[in-house]
N, C-alpha and C. Protein backbone atom coordinates (compact mmCIF):
# COMPACT_ATOMS: atom_id res chain seq x y z
N UNK A 1 79.81 -26.02 38.96
CA UNK A 1 78.68 -25.01 38.75
C UNK A 1 77.90 -25.29 40.48
N UNK A 2 77.59 -23.63 40.89
CA UNK A 2 76.38 -23.24 41.70
C UNK A 2 75.42 -24.29 41.30
N UNK A 3 75.11 -24.68 42.53
CA UNK A 3 73.83 -25.57 42.46
C UNK A 3 72.45 -24.78 43.51
N UNK A 4 71.20 -24.13 42.67
CA UNK A 4 70.06 -23.94 43.02
C UNK A 4 68.82 -24.58 42.92
N UNK A 5 67.47 -24.25 43.92
CA UNK A 5 66.56 -25.19 43.89
C UNK A 5 65.17 -24.02 43.83
N UNK A 6 64.92 -23.23 43.16
CA UNK A 6 64.18 -23.21 43.16
C UNK A 6 61.72 -23.65 44.11
N UNK A 7 61.40 -22.99 44.52
CA UNK A 7 60.40 -23.81 44.85
C UNK A 7 59.21 -22.75 44.49
N UNK A 8 58.25 -24.07 43.50
CA UNK A 8 57.35 -23.56 43.34
C UNK A 8 55.68 -23.91 43.77
N UNK A 9 54.70 -23.13 44.05
CA UNK A 9 53.63 -23.29 44.75
C UNK A 9 52.85 -22.74 43.74
N UNK A 10 51.00 -23.55 44.00
CA UNK A 10 50.18 -22.28 42.56
C UNK A 10 50.34 -20.95 43.82
N UNK A 11 50.17 -19.84 43.20
CA UNK A 11 49.93 -18.73 43.81
C UNK A 11 51.26 -17.96 43.44
N UNK A 12 52.06 -18.21 43.36
CA UNK A 12 53.53 -17.70 43.36
C UNK A 12 53.21 -16.10 42.76
N UNK A 13 54.33 -15.11 42.92
CA UNK A 13 54.05 -14.03 42.25
C UNK A 13 55.50 -14.27 41.33
N UNK A 14 54.85 -14.04 39.78
CA UNK A 14 55.49 -14.06 38.91
C UNK A 14 56.92 -13.57 38.94
N UNK A 15 57.02 -12.21 38.76
CA UNK A 15 58.74 -11.68 38.78
C UNK A 15 59.36 -12.18 39.63
N UNK A 16 58.74 -12.91 40.94
CA UNK A 16 59.71 -12.72 41.91
C UNK A 16 60.59 -14.12 41.98
N UNK A 17 59.98 -15.09 40.82
CA UNK A 17 60.30 -16.44 40.71
C UNK A 17 61.29 -16.56 39.13
N UNK A 18 60.56 -15.23 38.35
CA UNK A 18 61.12 -15.62 36.99
C UNK A 18 62.64 -14.29 37.21
N UNK A 19 62.87 -13.28 37.76
CA UNK A 19 63.70 -12.69 37.30
C UNK A 19 64.50 -13.53 38.21
N UNK A 20 64.23 -13.60 39.00
CA UNK A 20 65.89 -14.72 40.21
C UNK A 20 66.37 -15.52 39.16
N UNK A 21 65.42 -16.68 38.82
CA UNK A 21 65.46 -17.57 37.94
C UNK A 21 66.25 -17.09 36.40
N UNK A 22 65.81 -16.13 35.82
CA UNK A 22 67.02 -15.55 34.82
C UNK A 22 67.74 -15.13 34.78
N UNK A 23 68.04 -14.01 35.99
CA UNK A 23 69.56 -13.81 36.82
C UNK A 23 70.60 -14.60 37.04
N UNK A 24 70.37 -15.77 37.44
CA UNK A 24 70.90 -16.63 38.07
C UNK A 24 71.65 -17.51 37.20
N UNK A 25 70.57 -17.88 35.76
CA UNK A 25 70.91 -18.76 34.89
C UNK A 25 71.41 -18.02 34.06
N UNK A 26 71.68 -16.53 33.94
CA UNK A 26 72.57 -15.64 32.75
C UNK A 26 73.80 -16.04 33.37
N UNK A 27 73.86 -15.78 34.77
CA UNK A 27 75.37 -15.89 35.68
C UNK A 27 75.83 -16.99 36.17
N UNK A 28 75.84 -18.46 34.73
CA UNK A 28 75.56 -19.55 34.57
C UNK A 28 75.88 -20.39 36.08
N UNK A 29 74.47 -20.65 36.99
CA UNK A 29 74.16 -20.76 37.65
C UNK A 29 72.83 -22.03 37.33
N UNK A 30 73.47 -23.03 38.15
CA UNK A 30 72.97 -24.13 37.88
C UNK A 30 70.93 -24.47 38.68
N UNK A 31 70.08 -23.74 38.12
CA UNK A 31 68.72 -23.78 38.97
C UNK A 31 67.60 -24.33 38.61
N UNK A 32 66.87 -25.21 39.20
CA UNK A 32 66.16 -25.97 39.09
C UNK A 32 65.25 -25.52 39.22
N UNK A 33 63.89 -25.25 38.61
CA UNK A 33 62.69 -25.02 39.71
C UNK A 33 61.53 -26.39 39.85
N UNK A 34 61.41 -26.34 40.86
CA UNK A 34 60.79 -27.57 42.05
C UNK A 34 59.16 -27.59 42.08
N UNK A 35 58.04 -27.85 41.87
CA UNK A 35 56.97 -27.86 42.09
C UNK A 35 57.24 -28.94 43.45
N UNK A 36 55.59 -28.04 44.00
CA UNK A 36 55.85 -28.98 45.72
C UNK A 36 54.09 -29.73 45.89
N UNK A 37 53.80 -28.96 44.36
CA UNK A 37 52.13 -29.37 43.74
C UNK A 37 52.19 -30.79 43.36
N UNK A 38 52.92 -32.02 42.66
CA UNK A 38 52.33 -33.26 42.62
C UNK A 38 52.14 -33.06 41.01
N UNK A 39 52.82 -31.77 40.72
CA UNK A 39 52.39 -31.30 39.37
C UNK A 39 53.16 -30.62 38.45
N UNK A 40 54.15 -31.70 37.81
CA UNK A 40 54.70 -29.88 37.08
C UNK A 40 54.25 -28.26 36.70
N UNK A 41 52.97 -28.66 36.98
CA UNK A 41 52.03 -27.27 36.16
C UNK A 41 51.89 -26.79 37.51
N UNK A 42 52.05 -25.59 37.72
CA UNK A 42 51.93 -24.37 39.25
C UNK A 42 51.59 -23.47 37.87
N UNK A 43 50.24 -23.13 38.45
CA UNK A 43 50.04 -21.30 38.37
C UNK A 43 50.05 -20.24 39.27
N UNK A 44 50.60 -19.10 38.38
CA UNK A 44 51.25 -17.96 39.35
C UNK A 44 49.90 -17.27 39.98
N UNK A 45 50.43 -16.46 40.54
CA UNK A 45 49.30 -15.45 41.28
C UNK A 45 48.31 -14.74 40.29
N UNK A 46 48.98 -14.58 39.26
CA UNK A 46 48.76 -13.68 37.62
C UNK A 46 48.05 -15.27 36.83
N UNK A 47 47.63 -15.87 37.15
CA UNK A 47 47.14 -16.79 36.03
C UNK A 47 48.08 -17.49 35.06
N UNK A 48 49.47 -17.29 34.82
CA UNK A 48 50.38 -17.60 33.98
C UNK A 48 50.88 -19.04 34.70
N UNK A 49 51.29 -20.26 33.53
CA UNK A 49 51.30 -21.45 34.08
C UNK A 49 52.76 -21.75 33.52
N UNK A 50 53.54 -22.30 34.46
CA UNK A 50 54.62 -22.82 34.92
C UNK A 50 54.87 -24.15 34.75
N UNK A 51 55.93 -24.63 33.38
CA UNK A 51 56.44 -25.91 33.71
C UNK A 51 58.02 -25.91 35.02
N UNK A 52 57.28 -26.45 35.74
CA UNK A 52 58.46 -27.06 36.97
C UNK A 52 59.81 -28.13 36.33
N UNK A 53 60.57 -27.68 36.43
CA UNK A 53 62.26 -29.04 35.77
C UNK A 53 62.13 -30.33 36.82
N UNK A 54 60.93 -30.00 38.05
CA UNK A 54 61.34 -31.35 38.67
C UNK A 54 60.45 -31.17 39.93
N UNK A 55 59.26 -33.14 40.34
CA UNK A 55 58.53 -32.67 41.45
C UNK A 55 59.41 -32.54 42.69
N UNK A 56 58.94 -32.39 43.42
CA UNK A 56 59.99 -32.25 45.00
C UNK A 56 60.44 -33.14 45.03
N UNK A 57 59.42 -34.23 44.92
CA UNK A 57 60.11 -35.94 45.92
C UNK A 57 61.26 -36.82 45.07
N UNK A 58 61.70 -35.53 43.18
CA UNK A 58 62.30 -36.10 42.55
C UNK A 58 64.02 -35.26 43.18
N UNK A 59 63.68 -34.21 43.65
CA UNK A 59 64.56 -33.42 44.22
C UNK A 59 65.50 -33.61 45.12
N UNK A 60 67.03 -34.13 44.81
CA UNK A 60 68.12 -34.42 45.60
C UNK A 60 68.16 -33.16 46.25
N UNK A 61 68.07 -32.65 47.45
CA UNK A 61 68.40 -31.19 47.78
C UNK A 61 69.87 -31.16 48.80
N UNK A 62 70.65 -32.13 48.49
CA UNK A 62 71.13 -32.46 49.77
C UNK A 62 72.56 -31.51 49.11
N UNK A 63 73.35 -31.25 48.24
CA UNK A 63 74.17 -30.40 48.31
C UNK A 63 74.01 -28.89 47.55
N UNK A 64 72.67 -28.47 47.82
CA UNK A 64 72.14 -27.10 47.38
C UNK A 64 72.73 -26.46 48.41
N UNK A 65 73.19 -24.87 47.16
CA UNK A 65 73.91 -24.30 46.87
C UNK A 65 72.94 -23.18 48.04
N UNK A 66 72.01 -23.01 47.00
CA UNK A 66 70.31 -21.89 47.57
C UNK A 66 69.06 -22.78 47.45
N UNK A 67 68.60 -22.29 48.51
CA UNK A 67 66.76 -23.04 48.29
C UNK A 67 66.24 -21.28 48.14
N UNK A 68 66.12 -20.92 47.32
CA UNK A 68 64.77 -20.17 47.16
C UNK A 68 63.18 -20.40 47.01
N UNK A 69 62.75 -19.03 48.27
CA UNK A 69 61.15 -19.05 48.34
C UNK A 69 60.65 -18.24 47.52
N UNK A 70 60.04 -17.88 46.08
CA UNK A 70 59.36 -16.09 45.54
C UNK A 70 57.66 -16.63 46.74
N UNK A 71 57.46 -14.96 46.52
CA UNK A 71 56.39 -14.41 47.15
C UNK A 71 55.23 -14.79 46.51
N UNK A 72 54.67 -14.21 46.87
CA UNK A 72 53.52 -14.36 46.65
C UNK A 72 52.17 -14.98 47.41
N UNK A 73 50.80 -14.33 47.16
CA UNK A 73 49.83 -15.10 47.61
C UNK A 73 48.46 -15.65 46.63
N UNK A 74 48.40 -16.68 47.14
CA UNK A 74 48.45 -17.47 48.50
C UNK A 74 49.90 -18.68 47.91
N UNK A 75 50.59 -18.11 46.59
CA UNK A 75 51.45 -19.27 46.92
C UNK A 75 52.72 -19.23 48.03
N UNK A 76 52.92 -18.28 48.70
CA UNK A 76 53.58 -18.43 50.72
C UNK A 76 53.04 -19.01 51.27
N UNK A 77 51.55 -18.91 51.28
CA UNK A 77 50.90 -19.63 52.08
C UNK A 77 51.26 -21.11 51.79
N UNK A 78 51.72 -21.79 50.53
CA UNK A 78 51.01 -23.07 50.07
C UNK A 78 52.33 -23.60 50.36
N UNK A 79 53.54 -22.60 50.06
CA UNK A 79 55.24 -23.54 50.71
C UNK A 79 54.66 -23.45 52.05
N UNK A 80 53.91 -22.94 52.82
CA UNK A 80 53.98 -23.24 54.35
C UNK A 80 53.53 -24.28 55.14
N UNK A 81 52.64 -24.82 54.31
CA UNK A 81 52.23 -26.02 54.35
C UNK A 81 53.44 -27.18 54.00
N UNK A 82 53.41 -27.05 53.29
CA UNK A 82 54.85 -28.73 52.88
C UNK A 82 55.89 -28.91 53.80
N UNK A 83 54.92 -29.77 54.41
CA UNK A 83 56.02 -30.54 55.42
C UNK A 83 57.74 -30.85 54.93
N UNK A 84 57.79 -31.56 53.63
CA UNK A 84 58.84 -31.81 53.10
C UNK A 84 60.11 -30.67 52.78
N UNK A 85 59.04 -29.60 52.35
CA UNK A 85 60.10 -27.94 52.03
C UNK A 85 60.89 -27.59 53.16
N UNK A 86 60.12 -27.58 54.22
CA UNK A 86 60.06 -26.60 55.45
C UNK A 86 61.26 -27.99 56.31
N UNK A 87 61.62 -28.46 56.56
CA UNK A 87 62.79 -29.60 56.39
C UNK A 87 63.77 -29.25 55.89
N UNK A 88 62.95 -29.57 54.64
CA UNK A 88 64.63 -29.09 54.04
C UNK A 88 65.48 -27.50 53.97
N UNK A 89 64.33 -26.72 54.39
CA UNK A 89 65.00 -25.56 54.87
C UNK A 89 65.52 -25.73 56.30
N UNK A 90 64.92 -25.95 57.17
CA UNK A 90 65.95 -25.89 58.10
C UNK A 90 67.07 -26.80 57.80
N UNK A 91 66.84 -27.61 57.31
CA UNK A 91 68.44 -28.52 56.50
C UNK A 91 69.55 -27.81 56.21
N UNK A 92 68.95 -27.20 55.60
CA UNK A 92 69.87 -26.22 54.95
C UNK A 92 70.73 -25.36 55.39
N UNK A 93 69.72 -24.67 56.05
CA UNK A 93 70.18 -23.11 57.20
C UNK A 93 70.79 -24.06 58.15
N UNK A 94 70.32 -24.62 58.77
CA UNK A 94 71.41 -25.31 59.69
C UNK A 94 72.82 -25.71 59.18
N UNK A 95 73.05 -25.97 58.30
CA UNK A 95 74.65 -26.75 57.66
C UNK A 95 74.93 -25.54 57.23
N UNK A 96 74.35 -24.33 57.04
CA UNK A 96 74.80 -22.51 57.38
C UNK A 96 74.98 -22.51 55.50
N UNK A 97 73.67 -23.15 54.54
CA UNK A 97 74.06 -23.10 52.97
C UNK A 97 72.79 -21.90 52.92
N UNK A 98 72.91 -21.33 51.94
CA UNK A 98 72.02 -19.50 51.61
C UNK A 98 70.39 -20.72 51.76
N UNK A 99 69.87 -20.13 52.07
CA UNK A 99 68.12 -19.52 51.79
C UNK A 99 68.01 -18.69 51.71
N UNK A 100 66.83 -18.34 50.61
CA UNK A 100 66.24 -16.68 50.58
C UNK A 100 64.51 -17.10 50.35
N UNK A 101 64.06 -16.12 51.19
CA UNK A 101 62.97 -15.97 50.77
C UNK A 101 62.66 -14.68 50.21
N UNK A 102 61.65 -14.27 49.52
CA UNK A 102 61.12 -12.66 48.56
C UNK A 102 59.46 -12.31 49.20
N UNK A 103 59.18 -11.22 49.32
CA UNK A 103 57.92 -10.75 49.74
C UNK A 103 57.11 -11.15 50.76
N UNK A 104 56.64 -12.20 50.40
CA UNK A 104 55.49 -12.83 51.51
C UNK A 104 55.86 -13.74 52.17
N UNK A 105 57.20 -15.21 51.01
CA UNK A 105 57.83 -16.08 51.85
C UNK A 105 58.67 -16.18 52.59
N UNK A 106 59.25 -14.88 53.31
CA UNK A 106 60.17 -14.98 54.35
C UNK A 106 58.98 -15.57 55.68
N UNK A 107 57.47 -15.71 55.30
CA UNK A 107 56.41 -16.18 57.06
C UNK A 107 57.46 -17.65 57.34
N UNK A 108 57.59 -17.99 55.97
CA UNK A 108 57.60 -19.91 56.16
C UNK A 108 58.92 -19.93 57.11
N UNK A 109 59.62 -19.09 56.74
CA UNK A 109 61.46 -18.51 57.46
C UNK A 109 61.48 -18.31 58.81
N UNK A 110 60.17 -17.15 58.86
CA UNK A 110 60.01 -17.06 60.20
C UNK A 110 59.08 -18.52 60.81
N UNK A 111 58.83 -18.70 60.68
CA UNK A 111 57.53 -20.01 61.43
C UNK A 111 58.45 -21.00 61.37
N UNK A 112 59.48 -21.40 61.22
CA UNK A 112 60.33 -22.50 61.52
C UNK A 112 61.60 -22.26 62.69
N UNK A 113 62.22 -20.81 62.62
CA UNK A 113 62.59 -20.56 64.05
C UNK A 113 64.20 -20.00 63.05
N UNK A 114 63.98 -19.75 61.94
CA UNK A 114 65.43 -19.71 61.10
C UNK A 114 65.65 -17.92 60.84
N UNK A 115 64.56 -17.19 61.39
CA UNK A 115 65.65 -15.80 61.30
C UNK A 115 65.70 -15.20 62.68
N UNK A 116 65.37 -15.85 64.11
CA UNK A 116 65.75 -15.89 65.73
C UNK A 116 66.89 -14.86 65.21
N UNK A 117 67.05 -13.81 65.42
CA UNK A 117 68.08 -12.69 65.75
C UNK A 117 68.81 -12.74 64.58
N UNK A 118 68.28 -12.79 63.88
CA UNK A 118 68.68 -11.91 62.24
C UNK A 118 67.79 -10.41 61.97
N UNK A 119 68.61 -10.46 60.90
CA UNK A 119 67.54 -8.52 60.07
C UNK A 119 67.23 -9.80 58.51
N UNK A 120 65.29 -9.54 58.83
CA UNK A 120 64.74 -9.45 57.52
C UNK A 120 64.16 -8.67 56.95
N UNK A 121 63.84 -8.81 55.48
CA UNK A 121 62.86 -8.03 55.33
C UNK A 121 61.46 -8.89 54.78
N UNK A 122 60.48 -8.68 54.22
CA UNK A 122 59.61 -8.79 53.53
C UNK A 122 58.48 -8.01 53.28
N UNK A 123 57.36 -8.38 52.31
CA UNK A 123 56.56 -7.10 52.08
C UNK A 123 55.83 -6.25 53.29
N UNK A 124 55.78 -5.35 52.94
CA UNK A 124 54.64 -4.49 53.95
C UNK A 124 52.82 -5.14 55.06
N UNK A 125 53.34 -5.32 55.94
CA UNK A 125 52.09 -6.08 56.59
C UNK A 125 52.46 -7.32 56.68
N UNK A 126 53.36 -8.15 56.11
CA UNK A 126 53.91 -8.98 56.45
C UNK A 126 55.17 -9.42 57.45
N UNK A 127 55.09 -7.88 58.66
CA UNK A 127 56.56 -8.14 59.32
C UNK A 127 56.22 -8.62 60.62
N UNK A 128 55.12 -9.05 61.11
CA UNK A 128 54.61 -10.10 61.95
C UNK A 128 55.23 -11.42 62.13
N UNK A 129 54.85 -11.62 60.90
CA UNK A 129 55.42 -13.35 60.36
C UNK A 129 57.18 -13.27 60.48
N UNK A 130 57.84 -12.18 60.74
CA UNK A 130 58.98 -12.32 60.56
C UNK A 130 59.81 -12.48 61.65
N UNK A 131 58.99 -13.78 62.92
CA UNK A 131 59.21 -13.93 64.06
C UNK A 131 60.52 -14.24 64.29
N UNK A 132 60.89 -13.44 65.80
CA UNK A 132 62.24 -13.15 66.20
C UNK A 132 63.47 -12.70 65.73
N UNK A 133 62.64 -11.88 63.93
CA UNK A 133 63.53 -10.81 63.58
C UNK A 133 63.65 -9.21 63.73
N UNK A 134 64.73 -8.75 63.13
CA UNK A 134 64.40 -7.45 63.12
C UNK A 134 64.48 -7.18 61.79
N UNK A 135 63.23 -6.55 61.75
CA UNK A 135 62.53 -6.15 60.45
C UNK A 135 62.90 -5.02 60.18
N UNK A 136 63.88 -4.92 58.65
CA UNK A 136 64.88 -3.50 57.90
C UNK A 136 63.80 -2.78 56.74
N UNK A 137 62.70 -3.48 56.49
CA UNK A 137 62.08 -2.52 55.34
C UNK A 137 62.73 -2.17 54.30
N UNK A 138 64.58 -3.23 54.66
CA UNK A 138 64.82 -2.81 52.74
C UNK A 138 64.64 -3.38 51.58
N UNK A 139 65.05 -2.61 50.50
CA UNK A 139 64.75 -4.07 49.52
C UNK A 139 65.35 -5.12 49.60
N UNK A 140 66.43 -5.37 49.82
CA UNK A 140 67.06 -6.90 50.08
C UNK A 140 67.41 -7.10 51.35
N UNK A 141 67.53 -8.01 52.72
CA UNK A 141 68.93 -7.95 53.18
C UNK A 141 69.27 -9.53 53.38
N UNK A 142 70.89 -8.98 53.75
CA UNK A 142 71.04 -10.47 53.71
C UNK A 142 72.12 -10.89 55.37
N UNK A 143 71.72 -11.28 56.14
CA UNK A 143 71.95 -12.06 57.10
C UNK A 143 73.06 -12.68 57.15
N UNK A 144 73.80 -13.37 57.07
CA UNK A 144 74.43 -14.29 57.13
C UNK A 144 74.38 -15.11 56.19
N UNK A 145 74.26 -16.90 56.16
CA UNK A 145 73.01 -17.53 55.15
C UNK A 145 71.44 -17.44 54.95
N UNK A 146 70.77 -16.13 55.30
CA UNK A 146 69.83 -16.07 55.18
C UNK A 146 69.14 -14.09 53.70
N UNK A 147 68.82 -15.11 53.09
CA UNK A 147 68.31 -13.41 52.29
C UNK A 147 67.30 -13.42 52.40
N UNK A 148 66.52 -12.26 52.27
CA UNK A 148 64.90 -11.83 52.20
C UNK A 148 64.85 -10.76 51.62
N UNK A 149 64.25 -10.48 50.86
CA UNK A 149 63.93 -9.58 49.14
C UNK A 149 61.87 -8.80 49.96
N UNK A 150 62.00 -7.71 50.06
CA UNK A 150 60.45 -7.28 49.95
C UNK A 150 59.34 -7.96 49.29
N UNK A 151 60.06 -7.46 47.93
CA UNK A 151 58.65 -7.93 46.77
C UNK A 151 58.97 -7.42 45.63
N UNK A 152 57.42 -7.21 44.68
CA UNK A 152 57.91 -7.18 43.09
C UNK A 152 59.01 -6.53 42.61
N UNK A 153 59.14 -5.66 43.16
CA UNK A 153 60.43 -4.30 42.88
C UNK A 153 61.77 -4.61 43.31
N UNK A 154 61.74 -5.67 44.02
CA UNK A 154 63.39 -5.76 44.50
C UNK A 154 63.42 -6.70 44.16
N UNK A 155 63.18 -7.52 42.89
CA UNK A 155 63.53 -8.77 42.51
C UNK A 155 65.07 -8.90 42.17
N UNK A 156 64.71 -7.28 41.03
CA UNK A 156 66.26 -7.52 40.11
C UNK A 156 67.48 -7.25 41.30
N UNK A 157 67.22 -6.09 42.09
CA UNK A 157 68.88 -6.07 43.20
C UNK A 157 68.95 -7.67 44.23
N UNK A 158 67.49 -8.08 44.48
CA UNK A 158 67.69 -9.80 45.01
C UNK A 158 68.29 -10.09 44.51
N UNK A 159 68.18 -10.44 43.02
CA UNK A 159 68.70 -11.65 42.12
C UNK A 159 70.06 -11.42 41.73
N UNK A 160 70.73 -10.11 41.87
CA UNK A 160 71.68 -9.55 41.87
C UNK A 160 73.10 -9.82 42.90
N UNK A 161 72.30 -10.19 43.87
CA UNK A 161 73.11 -10.19 45.27
C UNK A 161 73.11 -11.69 45.24
N UNK A 162 71.98 -12.69 45.10
CA UNK A 162 72.56 -13.66 45.38
C UNK A 162 73.57 -14.05 43.98
N UNK A 163 73.10 -13.81 43.09
CA UNK A 163 73.96 -14.09 42.27
C UNK A 163 75.53 -14.07 42.53
N UNK A 164 75.59 -12.45 43.19
CA UNK A 164 77.08 -12.81 43.49
C UNK A 164 77.94 -13.40 44.54
N UNK A 165 76.78 -13.76 45.65
CA UNK A 165 77.00 -14.52 46.87
C UNK A 165 77.32 -15.84 45.87
N UNK A 166 77.02 -16.47 45.59
CA UNK A 166 76.86 -17.73 44.68
C UNK A 166 77.89 -17.94 43.32
N UNK A 167 78.61 -16.43 42.87
CA UNK A 167 79.67 -16.60 42.34
C UNK A 167 80.37 -15.36 42.75
N UNK A 168 79.97 -14.50 41.88
CA UNK A 168 81.33 -13.70 42.75
C UNK A 168 81.00 -11.56 41.56
N UNK A 169 81.17 -10.47 42.92
CA UNK A 169 80.87 -9.62 42.34
C UNK A 169 80.80 -8.89 40.36
N UNK A 170 82.07 -9.71 40.33
CA UNK A 170 82.09 -9.13 38.68
C UNK A 170 81.78 -10.05 38.13
N UNK A 171 81.28 -11.08 37.63
CA UNK A 171 79.64 -11.82 37.25
C UNK A 171 78.95 -11.30 37.52
N UNK A 172 77.64 -10.78 39.11
CA UNK A 172 76.72 -10.32 39.07
C UNK A 172 76.74 -8.62 38.20
N UNK A 173 77.87 -7.91 38.29
CA UNK A 173 77.93 -6.52 37.41
C UNK A 173 77.95 -7.27 35.97
N UNK A 174 78.65 -7.99 35.45
CA UNK A 174 78.55 -7.99 33.96
C UNK A 174 76.56 -8.76 33.52
N UNK A 175 76.45 -9.58 34.39
CA UNK A 175 74.67 -9.82 34.12
C UNK A 175 74.23 -8.16 34.03
N UNK A 176 74.07 -7.71 35.13
CA UNK A 176 73.04 -6.45 35.64
C UNK A 176 73.69 -5.05 34.26
N UNK A 177 74.68 -5.11 33.81
CA UNK A 177 74.91 -4.53 32.40
C UNK A 177 74.84 -5.05 31.41
N UNK A 178 74.92 -6.72 31.63
CA UNK A 178 73.90 -6.99 30.42
C UNK A 178 72.85 -6.11 30.17
N UNK A 179 72.00 -6.70 31.00
CA UNK A 179 70.08 -6.75 31.38
C UNK A 179 70.09 -5.27 31.22
N UNK A 180 70.81 -3.64 30.94
CA UNK A 180 70.53 -2.49 31.33
C UNK A 180 70.72 -2.15 32.47
N UNK A 181 70.43 -3.36 33.73
CA UNK A 181 70.13 -2.88 34.87
C UNK A 181 70.87 -1.52 35.62
N UNK A 182 72.10 -1.74 35.08
CA UNK A 182 73.34 -0.64 35.95
C UNK A 182 72.45 0.29 34.83
N UNK A 183 72.72 1.06 33.58
CA UNK A 183 72.13 1.83 33.06
C UNK A 183 70.91 2.32 34.09
N UNK A 184 69.88 1.21 34.26
CA UNK A 184 68.78 1.74 34.73
C UNK A 184 68.73 2.79 35.64
N UNK A 185 69.42 2.56 36.17
CA UNK A 185 69.63 3.04 38.28
C UNK A 185 70.57 4.28 38.09
N UNK A 186 71.34 4.52 36.87
CA UNK A 186 72.19 5.08 37.02
C UNK A 186 71.27 6.62 35.94
N UNK A 187 70.16 5.82 35.64
CA UNK A 187 70.17 7.17 34.87
C UNK A 187 68.99 7.86 35.39
């Protein structure tokens, strides 16, 4: 079973965390939410309190298949201030394993140099934080082991793309059909 860690900080964007979490778990992926705040309970940008599965110091990230960053402000800035997380992201990317970020969170990857020579997207207005990247303005962008998403409306296609990368197209399509996403897109 594929292993994914999603990092939460106060101010994360609700649906950019919960939609990928839900989609990946429906697809049979082991996703753990990890709080970087020192408390298991983090508050979203819209005041929703979520209890994480683990604290950062208790997470063994060595064999992760994917490290994920939800966006939102000030959530993305809070993620960017955590040195342990930034070190883990660099190690993950350098090992050729998947790293993803959506909305404002690609700013963390840009600041670490992980987007150099890559194509990437983000929430409009954060393009300057994609240091070294070619900005695509797409709903989501895959370039090698880096996946970026534009914003809240991109959460579903971003999540299904990640699910397909972690499992296969058939699994992702089955989950999308079961959630009536394909029906929505065809209608």
